[in-house]
Full PDB file with SEQRES, HELIX, SHEET, SSBOND, CRYST1, ORIGX, SCALE, CONECT and MASTER records, all heavy atoms in Angstrom:
SEQRES   1 A   40  ASN ALA VAL PHE VAL LYS SER ILE ASP ASP LEU GLY PHE          
SEQRES   2 A   40  ILE ASN GLU LYS GLU LEU ILE GLU LYS PHE TRP PRO ASN          
SEQRES   3 A   40  GLY ILE GLN PRO GLN THR GLU GLN PRO ILE ILE ASP ILE          
SEQRES   4 A   40  ASP                                                          
HELIX    1 AA1 ALA A    2  SER A    7  1                                   6    
HELIX    2 AA2 LEU A   11  PHE A   13  5                                   3    
HELIX    3 AA3 GLU A   16  PHE A   23  1                                   8    
HELIX    4 AA4 PRO A   25  GLY A   27  5                                   3    
CRYST1    1.000    1.000    1.000  90.00  90.00  90.00 P 1           1          
ORIGX1      1.000000  0.000000  0.000000        0.00000                         
ORIGX2      0.000000  1.000000  0.000000        0.00000                         
ORIGX3      0.000000  0.000000  1.000000        0.00000                         
SCALE1      1.000000  0.000000  0.000000        0.00000                         
SCALE2      0.000000  1.000000  0.000000        0.00000                         
SCALE3      0.000000  0.000000  1.000000        0.00000                         
ATOM      1  N   ASN A   1     -43.202 -28.372  10.687  1.00  0.00           N  
ATOM      2  CA  ASN A   1     -43.041 -27.652  12.038  1.00  0.00           C  
ATOM      3  C   ASN A   1     -44.188 -26.809  12.309  1.00  0.00           C  
ATOM      4  O   ASN A   1     -44.637 -26.681  13.380  1.00  0.00           O  
ATOM      5  CB  ASN A   1     -41.795 -26.893  11.903  1.00  0.00           C  
ATOM      6  CG  ASN A   1     -41.509 -26.058  13.183  1.00  0.00           C  
ATOM      7  OD1 ASN A   1     -41.306 -26.517  14.220  1.00  0.00           O  
ATOM      8  ND2 ASN A   1     -41.613 -24.693  12.956  1.00  0.00           N  
ATOM      9  N   ALA A   2     -44.591 -26.013  11.291  1.00  0.00           N  
ATOM     10  CA  ALA A   2     -45.731 -25.077  11.482  1.00  0.00           C  
ATOM     11  C   ALA A   2     -46.993 -25.858  11.901  1.00  0.00           C  
ATOM     12  O   ALA A   2     -47.749 -25.396  12.708  1.00  0.00           O  
ATOM     13  CB  ALA A   2     -45.940 -24.294  10.155  1.00  0.00           C  
ATOM     14  N   VAL A   3     -47.240 -26.941  11.319  1.00  0.00           N  
ATOM     15  CA  VAL A   3     -48.500 -27.732  11.656  1.00  0.00           C  
ATOM     16  C   VAL A   3     -48.332 -28.247  13.011  1.00  0.00           C  
ATOM     17  O   VAL A   3     -49.361 -28.197  13.767  1.00  0.00           O  
ATOM     18  CB  VAL A   3     -48.767 -28.806  10.598  1.00  0.00           C  
ATOM     19  CG1 VAL A   3     -49.756 -29.814  11.090  1.00  0.00           C  
ATOM     20  CG2 VAL A   3     -49.021 -28.342   9.197  1.00  0.00           C  
ATOM     21  N   PHE A   4     -47.192 -28.770  13.424  1.00  0.00           N  
ATOM     22  CA  PHE A   4     -47.043 -29.374  14.711  1.00  0.00           C  
ATOM     23  C   PHE A   4     -47.283 -28.420  15.804  1.00  0.00           C  
ATOM     24  O   PHE A   4     -47.896 -28.635  16.818  1.00  0.00           O  
ATOM     25  CB  PHE A   4     -45.691 -30.070  14.867  1.00  0.00           C  
ATOM     26  CG  PHE A   4     -45.483 -30.716  16.133  1.00  0.00           C  
ATOM     27  CD1 PHE A   4     -46.097 -31.849  16.503  1.00  0.00           C  
ATOM     28  CD2 PHE A   4     -44.619 -30.130  17.114  1.00  0.00           C  
ATOM     29  CE1 PHE A   4     -45.891 -32.468  17.765  1.00  0.00           C  
ATOM     30  CE2 PHE A   4     -44.432 -30.693  18.309  1.00  0.00           C  
ATOM     31  CZ  PHE A   4     -45.055 -31.880  18.650  1.00  0.00           C  
ATOM     32  N   VAL A   5     -46.533 -27.206  15.748  1.00  0.00           N  
ATOM     33  CA  VAL A   5     -46.684 -26.236  16.879  1.00  0.00           C  
ATOM     34  C   VAL A   5     -48.038 -25.768  17.071  1.00  0.00           C  
ATOM     35  O   VAL A   5     -48.473 -25.502  18.223  1.00  0.00           O  
ATOM     36  CB  VAL A   5     -45.652 -25.048  16.655  1.00  0.00           C  
ATOM     37  CG1 VAL A   5     -44.162 -25.563  16.699  1.00  0.00           C  
ATOM     38  CG2 VAL A   5     -46.005 -24.280  15.460  1.00  0.00           C  
ATOM     39  N   LYS A   6     -48.810 -25.706  15.944  1.00  0.00           N  
ATOM     40  CA  LYS A   6     -50.220 -25.416  16.089  1.00  0.00           C  
ATOM     41  C   LYS A   6     -51.041 -26.436  16.680  1.00  0.00           C  
ATOM     42  O   LYS A   6     -51.948 -26.235  17.469  1.00  0.00           O  
ATOM     43  CB  LYS A   6     -50.716 -24.954  14.694  1.00  0.00           C  
ATOM     44  CG  LYS A   6     -52.180 -24.447  14.685  1.00  0.00           C  
ATOM     45  CD  LYS A   6     -52.671 -23.985  13.350  1.00  0.00           C  
ATOM     46  CE  LYS A   6     -54.060 -23.477  13.360  1.00  0.00           C  
ATOM     47  NZ  LYS A   6     -54.530 -23.008  11.978  1.00  0.00           N  
ATOM     48  N   SER A   7     -50.733 -27.726  16.241  1.00  0.00           N  
ATOM     49  CA  SER A   7     -51.615 -28.809  16.745  1.00  0.00           C  
ATOM     50  C   SER A   7     -51.424 -29.085  18.248  1.00  0.00           C  
ATOM     51  O   SER A   7     -52.394 -29.552  18.820  1.00  0.00           O  
ATOM     52  CB  SER A   7     -51.123 -30.038  15.936  1.00  0.00           C  
ATOM     53  OG  SER A   7     -49.884 -30.552  16.437  1.00  0.00           O  
ATOM     54  N   ILE A   8     -50.288 -28.792  18.822  1.00  0.00           N  
ATOM     55  CA  ILE A   8     -50.146 -29.032  20.255  1.00  0.00           C  
ATOM     56  C   ILE A   8     -50.455 -27.702  21.087  1.00  0.00           C  
ATOM     57  O   ILE A   8     -50.310 -27.699  22.361  1.00  0.00           O  
ATOM     58  CB  ILE A   8     -48.790 -29.532  20.661  1.00  0.00           C  
ATOM     59  CG1 ILE A   8     -47.670 -28.503  20.319  1.00  0.00           C  
ATOM     60  CG2 ILE A   8     -48.511 -30.895  19.955  1.00  0.00           C  
ATOM     61  CD1 ILE A   8     -46.359 -28.848  20.966  1.00  0.00           C  
ATOM     62  N   ASP A   9     -50.806 -26.608  20.320  1.00  0.00           N  
ATOM     63  CA  ASP A   9     -50.962 -25.275  21.097  1.00  0.00           C  
ATOM     64  C   ASP A   9     -49.718 -24.965  21.846  1.00  0.00           C  
ATOM     65  O   ASP A   9     -49.755 -24.713  23.096  1.00  0.00           O  
ATOM     66  CB  ASP A   9     -52.209 -25.412  22.003  1.00  0.00           C  
ATOM     67  CG  ASP A   9     -52.555 -23.985  22.504  1.00  0.00           C  
ATOM     68  OD1 ASP A   9     -52.149 -23.017  21.862  1.00  0.00           O  
ATOM     69  OD2 ASP A   9     -53.287 -23.908  23.506  1.00  0.00           O  
ATOM     70  N   ASP A  10     -48.623 -24.936  21.140  1.00  0.00           N  
ATOM     71  CA  ASP A  10     -47.284 -24.650  21.736  1.00  0.00           C  
ATOM     72  C   ASP A  10     -47.233 -23.380  22.669  1.00  0.00           C  
ATOM     73  O   ASP A  10     -47.453 -22.295  22.184  1.00  0.00           O  
ATOM     74  CB  ASP A  10     -46.251 -24.484  20.636  1.00  0.00           C  
ATOM     75  CG  ASP A  10     -44.821 -24.521  21.011  1.00  0.00           C  
ATOM     76  OD1 ASP A  10     -44.494 -23.900  22.027  1.00  0.00           O  
ATOM     77  OD2 ASP A  10     -44.031 -25.271  20.250  1.00  0.00           O  
ATOM     78  N   LEU A  11     -47.079 -23.658  23.952  1.00  0.00           N  
ATOM     79  CA  LEU A  11     -47.036 -22.658  24.961  1.00  0.00           C  
ATOM     80  C   LEU A  11     -45.744 -21.804  24.919  1.00  0.00           C  
ATOM     81  O   LEU A  11     -45.635 -20.746  25.634  1.00  0.00           O  
ATOM     82  CB  LEU A  11     -47.213 -23.242  26.345  1.00  0.00           C  
ATOM     83  CG  LEU A  11     -48.589 -23.853  26.574  1.00  0.00           C  
ATOM     84  CD1 LEU A  11     -48.722 -24.579  27.887  1.00  0.00           C  
ATOM     85  CD2 LEU A  11     -49.706 -22.924  26.380  1.00  0.00           C  
ATOM     86  N   GLY A  12     -44.725 -22.234  24.164  1.00  0.00           N  
ATOM     87  CA  GLY A  12     -43.489 -21.418  24.046  1.00  0.00           C  
ATOM     88  C   GLY A  12     -43.759 -20.045  23.373  1.00  0.00           C  
ATOM     89  O   GLY A  12     -42.929 -19.216  23.352  1.00  0.00           O  
ATOM     90  N   PHE A  13     -44.922 -19.906  22.677  1.00  0.00           N  
ATOM     91  CA  PHE A  13     -45.318 -18.720  22.029  1.00  0.00           C  
ATOM     92  C   PHE A  13     -45.892 -17.677  22.895  1.00  0.00           C  
ATOM     93  O   PHE A  13     -46.404 -16.661  22.434  1.00  0.00           O  
ATOM     94  CB  PHE A  13     -46.087 -18.981  20.775  1.00  0.00           C  
ATOM     95  CG  PHE A  13     -45.391 -19.713  19.681  1.00  0.00           C  
ATOM     96  CD1 PHE A  13     -45.269 -21.119  19.696  1.00  0.00           C  
ATOM     97  CD2 PHE A  13     -44.649 -18.999  18.693  1.00  0.00           C  
ATOM     98  CE1 PHE A  13     -44.504 -21.735  18.650  1.00  0.00           C  
ATOM     99  CE2 PHE A  13     -43.963 -19.660  17.680  1.00  0.00           C  
ATOM    100  CZ  PHE A  13     -43.947 -21.029  17.645  1.00  0.00           C  
ATOM    101  N   ILE A  14     -46.088 -18.079  24.225  1.00  0.00           N  
ATOM    102  CA  ILE A  14     -46.678 -17.222  25.148  1.00  0.00           C  
ATOM    103  C   ILE A  14     -45.504 -16.540  26.037  1.00  0.00           C  
ATOM    104  O   ILE A  14     -44.703 -17.375  26.541  1.00  0.00           O  
ATOM    105  CB  ILE A  14     -47.704 -17.928  26.115  1.00  0.00           C  
ATOM    106  CG1 ILE A  14     -48.871 -18.440  25.299  1.00  0.00           C  
ATOM    107  CG2 ILE A  14     -48.176 -17.049  27.164  1.00  0.00           C  
ATOM    108  CD1 ILE A  14     -49.813 -19.316  26.079  1.00  0.00           C  
ATOM    109  N   ASN A  15     -45.507 -15.281  26.172  1.00  0.00           N  
ATOM    110  CA  ASN A  15     -44.629 -14.566  27.031  1.00  0.00           C  
ATOM    111  C   ASN A  15     -44.600 -15.420  28.466  1.00  0.00           C  
ATOM    112  O   ASN A  15     -45.673 -15.717  28.931  1.00  0.00           O  
ATOM    113  CB  ASN A  15     -45.017 -13.197  27.245  1.00  0.00           C  
ATOM    114  CG  ASN A  15     -44.053 -12.424  28.254  1.00  0.00           C  
ATOM    115  OD1 ASN A  15     -44.307 -12.563  29.419  1.00  0.00           O  
ATOM    116  ND2 ASN A  15     -43.191 -11.620  27.669  1.00  0.00           N  
ATOM    117  N   GLU A  16     -43.421 -15.539  29.094  1.00  0.00           N  
ATOM    118  CA  GLU A  16     -43.448 -16.452  30.208  1.00  0.00           C  
ATOM    119  C   GLU A  16     -44.213 -15.725  31.387  1.00  0.00           C  
ATOM    120  O   GLU A  16     -44.859 -16.503  32.223  1.00  0.00           O  
ATOM    121  CB  GLU A  16     -42.006 -16.689  30.637  1.00  0.00           C  
ATOM    122  CG  GLU A  16     -41.903 -17.730  31.824  1.00  0.00           C  
ATOM    123  CD  GLU A  16     -40.570 -18.197  32.162  1.00  0.00           C  
ATOM    124  OE1 GLU A  16     -39.565 -17.513  31.684  1.00  0.00           O  
ATOM    125  OE2 GLU A  16     -40.317 -19.210  32.811  1.00  0.00           O  
ATOM    126  N   LYS A  17     -44.152 -14.488  31.480  1.00  0.00           N  
ATOM    127  CA  LYS A  17     -44.906 -13.848  32.629  1.00  0.00           C  
ATOM    128  C   LYS A  17     -46.348 -14.026  32.396  1.00  0.00           C  
ATOM    129  O   LYS A  17     -47.186 -14.189  33.411  1.00  0.00           O  
ATOM    130  CB  LYS A  17     -44.516 -12.425  32.687  1.00  0.00           C  
ATOM    131  CG  LYS A  17     -43.115 -12.105  33.111  1.00  0.00           C  
ATOM    132  CD  LYS A  17     -42.799 -10.599  33.218  1.00  0.00           C  
ATOM    133  CE  LYS A  17     -41.414 -10.367  33.775  1.00  0.00           C  
ATOM    134  NZ  LYS A  17     -41.028  -8.960  33.820  1.00  0.00           N  
ATOM    135  N   GLU A  18     -46.855 -13.964  31.174  1.00  0.00           N  
ATOM    136  CA  GLU A  18     -48.295 -14.275  30.880  1.00  0.00           C  
ATOM    137  C   GLU A  18     -48.612 -15.784  31.147  1.00  0.00           C  
ATOM    138  O   GLU A  18     -49.693 -16.177  31.609  1.00  0.00           O  
ATOM    139  CB  GLU A  18     -48.626 -13.971  29.478  1.00  0.00           C  
ATOM    140  CG  GLU A  18     -48.487 -12.472  29.081  1.00  0.00           C  
ATOM    141  CD  GLU A  18     -48.722 -12.232  27.560  1.00  0.00           C  
ATOM    142  OE1 GLU A  18     -48.916 -13.171  26.886  1.00  0.00           O  
ATOM    143  OE2 GLU A  18     -48.615 -11.066  27.225  1.00  0.00           O  
ATOM    144  N   LEU A  19     -47.548 -16.642  30.876  1.00  0.00           N  
ATOM    145  CA  LEU A  19     -47.805 -18.080  31.152  1.00  0.00           C  
ATOM    146  C   LEU A  19     -47.887 -18.373  32.719  1.00  0.00           C  
ATOM    147  O   LEU A  19     -48.708 -19.106  33.097  1.00  0.00           O  
ATOM    148  CB  LEU A  19     -46.521 -18.831  30.631  1.00  0.00           C  
ATOM    149  CG  LEU A  19     -46.666 -20.420  30.734  1.00  0.00           C  
ATOM    150  CD1 LEU A  19     -47.783 -20.884  29.900  1.00  0.00           C  
ATOM    151  CD2 LEU A  19     -45.364 -21.061  30.290  1.00  0.00           C  
ATOM    152  N   ILE A  20     -47.055 -17.570  33.484  1.00  0.00           N  
ATOM    153  CA  ILE A  20     -47.179 -17.744  34.947  1.00  0.00           C  
ATOM    154  C   ILE A  20     -48.545 -17.229  35.404  1.00  0.00           C  
ATOM    155  O   ILE A  20     -49.138 -17.953  36.283  1.00  0.00           O  
ATOM    156  CB  ILE A  20     -46.012 -16.973  35.558  1.00  0.00           C  
ATOM    157  CG1 ILE A  20     -44.672 -17.601  35.197  1.00  0.00           C  
ATOM    158  CG2 ILE A  20     -46.207 -16.888  37.100  1.00  0.00           C  
ATOM    159  CD1 ILE A  20     -43.496 -16.727  35.687  1.00  0.00           C  
ATOM    160  N   GLU A  21     -48.986 -16.177  34.860  1.00  0.00           N  
ATOM    161  CA  GLU A  21     -50.287 -15.665  35.251  1.00  0.00           C  
ATOM    162  C   GLU A  21     -51.429 -16.688  34.869  1.00  0.00           C  
ATOM    163  O   GLU A  21     -52.388 -16.798  35.608  1.00  0.00           O  
ATOM    164  CB  GLU A  21     -50.582 -14.409  34.524  1.00  0.00           C  
ATOM    165  CG  GLU A  21     -51.885 -13.649  34.810  1.00  0.00           C  
ATOM    166  CD  GLU A  21     -52.042 -13.300  36.282  1.00  0.00           C  
ATOM    167  OE1 GLU A  21     -51.021 -13.103  37.015  1.00  0.00           O  
ATOM    168  OE2 GLU A  21     -53.127 -13.128  36.764  1.00  0.00           O  
ATOM    169  N   LYS A  22     -51.186 -17.434  33.771  1.00  0.00           N  
ATOM    170  CA  LYS A  22     -52.206 -18.417  33.369  1.00  0.00           C  
ATOM    171  C   LYS A  22     -52.257 -19.593  34.397  1.00  0.00           C  
ATOM    172  O   LYS A  22     -53.263 -20.131  34.690  1.00  0.00           O  
ATOM    173  CB  LYS A  22     -51.768 -18.870  31.983  1.00  0.00           C  
ATOM    174  CG  LYS A  22     -52.550 -20.180  31.433  1.00  0.00           C  
ATOM    175  CD  LYS A  22     -52.052 -20.626  30.116  1.00  0.00           C  
ATOM    176  CE  LYS A  22     -52.519 -21.936  29.583  1.00  0.00           C  
ATOM    177  NZ  LYS A  22     -53.955 -21.766  29.084  1.00  0.00           N  
ATOM    178  N   PHE A  23     -50.975 -19.963  34.810  1.00  0.00           N  
ATOM    179  CA  PHE A  23     -50.871 -21.070  35.780  1.00  0.00           C  
ATOM    180  C   PHE A  23     -51.204 -20.625  37.193  1.00  0.00           C  
ATOM    181  O   PHE A  23     -51.974 -21.308  37.916  1.00  0.00           O  
ATOM    182  CB  PHE A  23     -49.448 -21.577  35.721  1.00  0.00           C  
ATOM    183  CG  PHE A  23     -49.053 -22.409  34.532  1.00  0.00           C  
ATOM    184  CD1 PHE A  23     -47.788 -22.493  34.150  1.00  0.00           C  
ATOM    185  CD2 PHE A  23     -50.076 -23.019  33.796  1.00  0.00           C  
ATOM    186  CE1 PHE A  23     -47.425 -23.292  33.009  1.00  0.00           C  
ATOM    187  CE2 PHE A  23     -49.746 -23.764  32.641  1.00  0.00           C  
ATOM    188  CZ  PHE A  23     -48.433 -23.930  32.269  1.00  0.00           C  
ATOM    189  N   TRP A  24     -50.685 -19.436  37.633  1.00  0.00           N  
ATOM    190  CA  TRP A  24     -50.746 -18.968  39.017  1.00  0.00           C  
ATOM    191  C   TRP A  24     -51.320 -17.623  38.941  1.00  0.00           C  
ATOM    192  O   TRP A  24     -50.594 -16.579  38.920  1.00  0.00           O  
ATOM    193  CB  TRP A  24     -49.407 -18.974  39.669  1.00  0.00           C  
ATOM    194  CG  TRP A  24     -48.749 -20.258  40.068  1.00  0.00           C  
ATOM    195  CD1 TRP A  24     -49.035 -21.484  39.543  1.00  0.00           C  
ATOM    196  CD2 TRP A  24     -47.641 -20.450  40.922  1.00  0.00           C  
ATOM    197  NE1 TRP A  24     -48.217 -22.458  40.088  1.00  0.00           N  
ATOM    198  CE2 TRP A  24     -47.410 -21.919  40.962  1.00  0.00           C  
ATOM    199  CE3 TRP A  24     -47.024 -19.651  41.835  1.00  0.00           C  
ATOM    200  CZ2 TRP A  24     -46.434 -22.414  41.834  1.00  0.00           C  
ATOM    201  CZ3 TRP A  24     -46.009 -20.155  42.619  1.00  0.00           C  
ATOM    202  CH2 TRP A  24     -45.766 -21.579  42.673  1.00  0.00           C  
ATOM    203  N   PRO A  25     -52.654 -17.418  38.946  1.00  0.00           N  
ATOM    204  CA  PRO A  25     -53.233 -16.126  38.876  1.00  0.00           C  
ATOM    205  C   PRO A  25     -52.772 -15.200  40.005  1.00  0.00           C  
ATOM    206  O   PRO A  25     -52.656 -15.611  41.133  1.00  0.00           O  
ATOM    207  CB  PRO A  25     -54.679 -16.417  38.954  1.00  0.00           C  
ATOM    208  CG  PRO A  25     -54.946 -17.850  38.399  1.00  0.00           C  
ATOM    209  CD  PRO A  25     -53.605 -18.514  38.859  1.00  0.00           C  
ATOM    210  N   ASN A  26     -52.282 -14.046  39.568  1.00  0.00           N  
ATOM    211  CA  ASN A  26     -51.824 -13.038  40.506  1.00  0.00           C  
ATOM    212  C   ASN A  26     -50.472 -13.494  41.205  1.00  0.00           C  
ATOM    213  O   ASN A  26     -50.153 -13.084  42.306  1.00  0.00           O  
ATOM    214  CB  ASN A  26     -52.853 -12.573  41.563  1.00  0.00           C  
ATOM    215  CG  ASN A  26     -54.106 -11.963  40.924  1.00  0.00           C  
ATOM    216  OD1 ASN A  26     -53.878 -11.105  40.035  1.00  0.00           O  
ATOM    217  ND2 ASN A  26     -55.203 -12.396  41.303  1.00  0.00           N  
ATOM    218  N   GLY A  27     -49.841 -14.450  40.607  1.00  0.00           N  
ATOM    219  CA  GLY A  27     -48.642 -15.019  41.124  1.00  0.00           C  
ATOM    220  C   GLY A  27     -48.799 -15.891  42.278  1.00  0.00           C  
ATOM    221  O   GLY A  27     -47.871 -16.182  43.022  1.00  0.00           O  
ATOM    222  N   ILE A  28     -50.046 -16.331  42.559  1.00  0.00           N  
ATOM    223  CA  ILE A  28     -50.342 -17.210  43.721  1.00  0.00           C  
ATOM    224  C   ILE A  28     -50.703 -18.681  43.248  1.00  0.00           C  
ATOM    225  O   ILE A  28     -51.487 -18.854  42.349  1.00  0.00           O  
ATOM    226  CB  ILE A  28     -51.581 -16.725  44.483  1.00  0.00           C  
ATOM    227  CG1 ILE A  28     -51.214 -15.288  44.969  1.00  0.00           C  
ATOM    228  CG2 ILE A  28     -51.906 -17.566  45.649  1.00  0.00           C  
ATOM    229  CD1 ILE A  28     -52.387 -14.578  45.641  1.00  0.00           C  
ATOM    230  N   GLN A  29     -49.927 -19.570  43.813  1.00  0.00           N  
ATOM    231  CA  GLN A  29     -50.125 -21.005  43.386  1.00  0.00           C  
ATOM    232  C   GLN A  29     -51.530 -21.467  43.859  1.00  0.00           C  
ATOM    233  O   GLN A  29     -51.932 -21.248  44.984  1.00  0.00           O  
ATOM    234  CB  GLN A  29     -49.069 -21.864  44.028  1.00  0.00           C  
ATOM    235  CG  GLN A  29     -49.217 -23.375  43.588  1.00  0.00           C  
ATOM    236  CD  GLN A  29     -48.087 -24.264  44.128  1.00  0.00           C  
ATOM    237  OE1 GLN A  29     -47.403 -23.819  45.074  1.00  0.00           O  
ATOM    238  NE2 GLN A  29     -47.829 -25.336  43.574  1.00  0.00           N  
ATOM    239  N   PRO A  30     -52.233 -22.080  42.928  1.00  0.00           N  
ATOM    240  CA  PRO A  30     -53.629 -22.498  43.257  1.00  0.00           C  
ATOM    241  C   PRO A  30     -53.476 -23.696  44.331  1.00  0.00           C  
ATOM    242  O   PRO A  30     -52.489 -24.410  44.396  1.00  0.00           O  
ATOM    243  CB  PRO A  30     -54.206 -23.049  41.969  1.00  0.00           C  
ATOM    244  CG  PRO A  30     -53.031 -23.263  41.056  1.00  0.00           C  
ATOM    245  CD  PRO A  30     -51.929 -22.310  41.497  1.00  0.00           C  
ATOM    246  N   GLN A  31     -54.514 -23.871  45.122  1.00  0.00           N  
ATOM    247  CA  GLN A  31     -54.566 -24.809  46.208  1.00  0.00           C  
ATOM    248  C   GLN A  31     -55.496 -25.901  45.877  1.00  0.00           C  
ATOM    249  O   GLN A  31     -56.671 -25.639  45.539  1.00  0.00           O  
ATOM    250  CB  GLN A  31     -54.941 -24.126  47.499  1.00  0.00           C  
ATOM    251  CG  GLN A  31     -55.103 -25.053  48.697  1.00  0.00           C  
ATOM    252  CD  GLN A  31     -53.891 -25.428  49.396  1.00  0.00           C  
ATOM    253  OE1 GLN A  31     -53.015 -24.641  49.572  1.00  0.00           O  
ATOM    254  NE2 GLN A  31     -53.759 -26.736  49.614  1.00  0.00           N  
ATOM    255  N   THR A  32     -55.068 -27.138  46.058  1.00  0.00           N  
ATOM    256  CA  THR A  32     -56.001 -28.259  45.956  1.00  0.00           C  
ATOM    257  C   THR A  32     -57.034 -28.239  47.163  1.00  0.00           C  
ATOM    258  O   THR A  32     -56.623 -28.053  48.226  1.00  0.00           O  
ATOM    259  CB  THR A  32     -55.268 -29.561  45.964  1.00  0.00           C  
ATOM    260  OG1 THR A  32     -54.203 -29.528  45.018  1.00  0.00           O  
ATOM    261  CG2 THR A  32     -56.209 -30.764  45.676  1.00  0.00           C  
ATOM    262  N   GLU A  33     -58.310 -28.386  46.844  1.00  0.00           N  
ATOM    263  CA  GLU A  33     -59.327 -28.339  47.831  1.00  0.00           C  
ATOM    264  C   GLU A  33     -59.138 -29.500  48.853  1.00  0.00           C  
ATOM    265  O   GLU A  33     -58.681 -30.591  48.474  1.00  0.00           O  
ATOM    266  CB  GLU A  33     -60.757 -28.430  47.198  1.00  0.00           C  
ATOM    267  CG  GLU A  33     -61.103 -27.262  46.286  1.00  0.00           C  
ATOM    268  CD  GLU A  33     -61.292 -26.038  47.181  1.00  0.00           C  
ATOM    269  OE1 GLU A  33     -61.620 -26.126  48.297  1.00  0.00           O  
ATOM    270  OE2 GLU A  33     -61.236 -24.882  46.544  1.00  0.00           O  
ATOM    271  N   GLN A  34     -59.611 -29.219  49.985  1.00  0.00           N  
ATOM    272  CA  GLN A  34     -59.615 -30.318  51.014  1.00  0.00           C  
ATOM    273  C   GLN A  34     -60.598 -31.459  50.586  1.00  0.00           C  
ATOM    274  O   GLN A  34     -61.590 -31.299  50.110  1.00  0.00           O  
ATOM    275  CB  GLN A  34     -60.100 -29.695  52.419  1.00  0.00           C  
ATOM    276  CG  GLN A  34     -59.096 -28.894  53.095  1.00  0.00           C  
ATOM    277  CD  GLN A  34     -57.910 -29.675  53.601  1.00  0.00           C  
ATOM    278  OE1 GLN A  34     -56.845 -29.615  52.844  1.00  0.00           O  
ATOM    279  NE2 GLN A  34     -58.051 -30.368  54.623  1.00  0.00           N  
ATOM    280  N   PRO A  35     -60.007 -32.672  50.774  1.00  0.00           N  
ATOM    281  CA  PRO A  35     -60.884 -33.886  50.448  1.00  0.00           C  
ATOM    282  C   PRO A  35     -62.100 -33.963  51.410  1.00  0.00           C  
ATOM    283  O   PRO A  35     -61.981 -33.515  52.615  1.00  0.00           O  
ATOM    284  CB  PRO A  35     -59.844 -35.019  50.676  1.00  0.00           C  
ATOM    285  CG  PRO A  35     -58.833 -34.568  51.511  1.00  0.00           C  
ATOM    286  CD  PRO A  35     -58.703 -33.058  51.328  1.00  0.00           C  
ATOM    287  N   ILE A  36     -63.135 -34.470  50.902  1.00  0.00           N  
ATOM    288  CA  ILE A  36     -64.378 -34.707  51.698  1.00  0.00           C  
ATOM    289  C   ILE A  36     -64.499 -36.114  51.992  1.00  0.00           C  
ATOM    290  O   ILE A  36     -64.449 -36.969  51.032  1.00  0.00           O  
ATOM    291  CB  ILE A  36     -65.534 -34.188  50.966  1.00  0.00           C  
ATOM    292  CG1 ILE A  36     -65.396 -32.690  50.657  1.00  0.00           C  
ATOM    293  CG2 ILE A  36     -66.844 -34.428  51.732  1.00  0.00           C  
ATOM    294  CD1 ILE A  36     -66.460 -32.229  49.604  1.00  0.00           C  
ATOM    295  N   ILE A  37     -64.607 -36.533  53.273  1.00  0.00           N  
ATOM    296  CA  ILE A  37     -64.627 -37.913  53.760  1.00  0.00           C  
ATOM    297  C   ILE A  37     -66.083 -38.165  54.257  1.00  0.00           C  
ATOM    298  O   ILE A  37     -66.484 -37.515  55.106  1.00  0.00           O  
ATOM    299  CB  ILE A  37     -63.610 -38.235  54.777  1.00  0.00           C  
ATOM    300  CG1 ILE A  37     -62.203 -37.821  54.325  1.00  0.00           C  
ATOM    301  CG2 ILE A  37     -63.684 -39.723  55.166  1.00  0.00           C  
ATOM    302  CD1 ILE A  37     -61.177 -37.945  55.411  1.00  0.00           C  
ATOM    303  N   ASP A  38     -66.620 -39.295  53.679  1.00  0.00           N  
ATOM    304  CA  ASP A  38     -67.924 -39.686  54.233  1.00  0.00           C  
ATOM    305  C   ASP A  38     -67.968 -41.122  54.597  1.00  0.00           C  
ATOM    306  O   ASP A  38     -67.439 -41.945  53.877  1.00  0.00           O  
ATOM    307  CB  ASP A  38     -69.056 -39.478  53.220  1.00  0.00           C  
ATOM    308  CG  ASP A  38     -70.352 -39.859  53.702  1.00  0.00           C  
ATOM    309  OD1 ASP A  38     -70.966 -39.148  54.466  1.00  0.00           O  
ATOM    310  OD2 ASP A  38     -70.929 -40.913  53.121  1.00  0.00           O  
ATOM    311  N   ILE A  39     -68.390 -41.418  55.835  1.00  0.00           N  
ATOM    312  CA  ILE A  39     -68.463 -42.771  56.333  1.00  0.00           C  
ATOM    313  C   ILE A  39     -69.884 -43.146  56.713  1.00  0.00           C  
ATOM    314  O   ILE A  39     -70.501 -42.465  57.511  1.00  0.00           O  
ATOM    315  CB  ILE A  39     -67.578 -42.980  57.492  1.00  0.00           C  
ATOM    316  CG1 ILE A  39     -66.145 -42.505  57.276  1.00  0.00           C  
ATOM    317  CG2 ILE A  39     -67.589 -44.440  58.012  1.00  0.00           C  
ATOM    318  CD1 ILE A  39     -65.268 -42.533  58.490  1.00  0.00           C  
ATOM    319  N   ASP A  40     -70.451 -44.105  55.972  1.00  0.00           N  
ATOM    320  CA  ASP A  40     -71.906 -44.383  56.259  1.00  0.00           C  
ATOM    321  C   ASP A  40     -72.131 -45.374  57.390  1.00  0.00           C  
ATOM    322  O   ASP A  40     -71.218 -45.742  58.078  1.00  0.00           O  
ATOM    323  CB  ASP A  40     -72.605 -44.913  54.954  1.00  0.00           C  
ATOM    324  CG  ASP A  40     -72.117 -46.288  54.549  1.00  0.00           C  
ATOM    325  OD1 ASP A  40     -71.503 -47.006  55.407  1.00  0.00           O  
ATOM    326  OD2 ASP A  40     -72.427 -46.726  53.389  1.00  0.00           O  
TER     327      ASP A  40                                                      
MASTER        0    0    0    4    0    0    0    6  326    1    0    4          
END                                                                             
C-alpha cells in the first residue's frame, strides 16, 4: 500500500481546497484556447 500510493502520487493526500486551487487557480475554471484555422 505504501509503495502504491507513492508510485501514483496519490492526490487524496492533498487537502481538497488545495487540490481545487491546483486544478482551478483562484477558483476559476481554466479555458481552452480558441482553435486556429488556416486554409491555404
